[in-house]
Each structure stands twice: as structure tokens, then as C-alpha cells.
């Protein structure tokens, strides 16, 4: 049985991943399920992942993880959405 691909690192799901579904031999977790349902995944930095569901989004298993921490301008605001909402 082929393992599902982790959207975080692009490798097969690891057997010891703390988020892995325990009853699914092929692996997977809430991130792979969200991605299969059409969510865009965003790396917010500091081990935070954001999910964006849109009514016109089409599921795509090849949809990459968007790393917002890397896209931030040097010296710019790299706070996660949670921290930004808390500050305002």
C-alpha cells in the first residue's frame, strides 16, 4: 500500500508522526484530509499551519504548501495571524 504524501515536507507520511491517523495504514492526518478537500495550506512559521478553504477551490493533491514565513519581506512583519489578531 502506497503511503500518502505529507504536505509539509513532500515525503511519505511517517509512521511516528504525532498527527497521523492511527487507523489508516496508508497514513494521512488532518492536513492531508484538508488538502484532499481543496484547502490551501500555509506555513505561518513557528510550527503554525494555516488552512484556507474557498468555495470555488478545486482539490489538488499536487497543491504545494505556501510558506508565508519565507515570503515575508526581510525585516517585515512575520507574526502569525493569531498574534496579529491579538495585537489589534
C-alpha atoms as a PDB file:
ATOM      1  CA  UNK A   1       0.000   0.000   0.000  1.00  0.00           C
ATOM      2  CA  UNK A   2       1.409   3.375  -1.011  1.00  0.00           C
ATOM      3  CA  UNK A   3       1.776   5.971   1.747  1.00  0.00           C
ATOM      4  CA  UNK A   4       0.090   9.369   1.442  1.00  0.00           C
ATOM      5  CA  UNK A   5       2.437  12.306   0.923  1.00  0.00           C
ATOM      6  CA  UNK A   6       2.864  14.779   3.764  1.00  0.00           C
ATOM      7  CA  UNK A   7       2.051  18.316   2.568  1.00  0.00           C
ATOM      8  CA  UNK A   8       4.653  19.760   4.946  1.00  0.00           C
ATOM      9  CA  UNK A   9       7.769  18.081   3.561  1.00  0.00           C
ATOM     10  CA  UNK A  10       6.575  16.281   0.406  1.00  0.00           C
ATOM     11  CA  UNK A  11       7.685  12.882   1.758  1.00  0.00           C
ATOM     12  CA  UNK A  12       5.573   9.824   2.615  1.00  0.00           C
ATOM     13  CA  UNK A  13       3.738  10.115   5.944  1.00  0.00           C
ATOM     14  CA  UNK A  14       5.993   8.989   8.776  1.00  0.00           C
ATOM     15  CA  UNK A  15       4.813   6.126  10.970  1.00  0.00           C
ATOM     16  CA  UNK A  16       5.727   8.047  14.148  1.00  0.00           C
ATOM     17  CA  UNK A  17       4.102  11.361  13.172  1.00  0.00           C
ATOM     18  CA  UNK A  18       2.022  12.560  16.151  1.00  0.00           C
ATOM     19  CA  UNK A  19      -0.766  13.773  13.831  1.00  0.00           C
ATOM     20  CA  UNK A  20      -1.042  10.568  11.800  1.00  0.00           C
ATOM     21  CA  UNK A  21      -4.383   8.769  11.723  1.00  0.00           C
ATOM     22  CA  UNK A  22      -3.952   5.624  13.825  1.00  0.00           C
ATOM     23  CA  UNK A  23      -6.472   3.526  11.889  1.00  0.00           C
ATOM     24  CA  UNK A  24      -5.229   4.318   8.374  1.00  0.00           C
ATOM     25  CA  UNK A  25      -2.392   2.062   7.171  1.00  0.00           C
ATOM     26  CA  UNK A  26      -1.663   4.408   4.226  1.00  0.00           C
ATOM     27  CA  UNK A  27      -1.022   7.300   6.629  1.00  0.00           C
ATOM     28  CA  UNK A  28      -2.552  10.705   6.492  1.00  0.00           C
ATOM     29  CA  UNK A  29      -3.652  13.309   9.004  1.00  0.00           C
ATOM     30  CA  UNK A  30      -5.915  16.342   9.185  1.00  0.00           C
ATOM     31  CA  UNK A  31      -3.546  18.171   6.801  1.00  0.00           C
ATOM     32  CA  UNK A  32      -3.775  15.548   4.047  1.00  0.00           C
ATOM     33  CA  UNK A  33      -7.550  15.390   4.510  1.00  0.00           C
ATOM     34  CA  UNK A  34      -7.859  19.183   4.283  1.00  0.00           C
ATOM     35  CA  UNK A  35      -5.684  19.238   1.172  1.00  0.00           C
ATOM     36  CA  UNK A  36      -7.778  16.478  -0.449  1.00  0.00           C
ATOM     37  CA  UNK A  37     -10.871  18.591   0.257  1.00  0.00           C
ATOM     38  CA  UNK A  38      -9.387  21.568  -1.586  1.00  0.00           C
ATOM     39  CA  UNK A  39      -7.742  23.579   1.186  1.00  0.00           C
ATOM     40  CA  UNK A  40      -4.644  25.639   0.582  1.00  0.00           C
ATOM     41  CA  UNK A  41      -2.038  25.079   3.301  1.00  0.00           C
ATOM     42  CA  UNK A  42       0.091  27.957   4.553  1.00  0.00           C
ATOM     43  CA  UNK A  43       3.228  27.690   6.671  1.00  0.00           C
ATOM     44  CA  UNK A  44       2.861  30.615   9.072  1.00  0.00           C
ATOM     45  CA  UNK A  45       6.191  29.965  10.774  1.00  0.00           C
ATOM     46  CA  UNK A  46       6.857  28.848  14.355  1.00  0.00           C
ATOM     47  CA  UNK A  47       5.237  25.442  13.625  1.00  0.00           C
ATOM     48  CA  UNK A  48       1.890  27.095  12.782  1.00  0.00           C
ATOM     49  CA  UNK A  49      -0.042  25.949   9.722  1.00  0.00           C
ATOM     50  CA  UNK A  50      -2.981  27.842   8.246  1.00  0.00           C
ATOM     51  CA  UNK A  51      -5.734  26.323   6.139  1.00  0.00           C
ATOM     52  CA  UNK A  52      -7.780  28.274   3.611  1.00  0.00           C
ATOM     53  CA  UNK A  53     -10.973  26.813   2.200  1.00  0.00           C
ATOM     54  CA  UNK A  54     -12.670  28.620  -0.652  1.00  0.00           C
ATOM     55  CA  UNK A  55     -15.998  27.750  -2.228  1.00  0.00           C
ATOM     56  CA  UNK A  56     -14.537  27.614  -5.740  1.00  0.00           C
ATOM     57  CA  UNK A  57     -11.331  25.813  -4.789  1.00  0.00           C
ATOM     58  CA  UNK A  58     -10.767  22.521  -6.541  1.00  0.00           C
ATOM     59  CA  UNK A  59      -8.996  19.687  -4.743  1.00  0.00           C
ATOM     60  CA  UNK A  60      -5.463  19.167  -5.954  1.00  0.00           C
ATOM     61  CA  UNK A  61      -3.102  16.641  -4.435  1.00  0.00           C
ATOM     62  CA  UNK A  62      -0.200  18.482  -6.037  1.00  0.00           C
ATOM     63  CA  UNK A  63      -1.115  21.829  -4.476  1.00  0.00           C
ATOM     64  CA  UNK A  64       2.057  22.977  -2.682  1.00  0.00           C
ATOM     65  CA  UNK A  65       2.394  24.262   0.841  1.00  0.00           C
ATOM     66  CA  UNK A  66       2.706  28.051   0.769  1.00  0.00           C
ATOM     67  CA  UNK A  67       5.418  29.229   3.141  1.00  0.00           C
ATOM     68  CA  UNK A  68       4.352  32.679   4.306  1.00  0.00           C
ATOM     69  CA  UNK A  69       7.319  33.000   6.641  1.00  0.00           C
ATOM     70  CA  UNK A  70       9.702  32.815   3.661  1.00  0.00           C
ATOM     71  CA  UNK A  71       7.588  35.188   1.562  1.00  0.00           C
ATOM     72  CA  UNK A  72       7.685  37.933   4.189  1.00  0.00           C
ATOM     73  CA  UNK A  73       9.929  40.863   3.322  1.00  0.00           C
ATOM     74  CA  UNK A  74      13.231  40.976   5.219  1.00  0.00           C
ATOM     75  CA  UNK A  75      12.622  42.853   8.441  1.00  0.00           C
ATOM     76  CA  UNK A  76       8.881  42.777   7.770  1.00  0.00           C
ATOM     77  CA  UNK A  77       6.094  41.558   9.997  1.00  0.00           C
ATOM     78  CA  UNK A  78       6.283  37.761  10.220  1.00  0.00           C
ATOM     79  CA  UNK A  79       3.736  37.352  13.012  1.00  0.00           C
ATOM     80  CA  UNK A  80       1.213  34.601  12.632  1.00  0.00           C
ATOM     81  CA  UNK A  81      -2.413  35.519  12.048  1.00  0.00           C
ATOM     82  CA  UNK A  82      -3.217  34.580  15.630  1.00  0.00           C
ATOM     83  CA  UNK A  83      -0.671  37.062  17.018  1.00  0.00           C
ATOM     84  CA  UNK A  84      -1.725  39.789  14.591  1.00  0.00           C
ATOM     85  CA  UNK A  85      -5.364  39.438  15.625  1.00  0.00           C
ATOM     86  CA  UNK A  86      -4.372  39.541  19.285  1.00  0.00           C
ATOM     87  CA  UNK A  87      -2.345  42.742  18.794  1.00  0.00           C
ATOM     88  CA  UNK A  88      -5.177  44.677  17.157  1.00  0.00           C
END
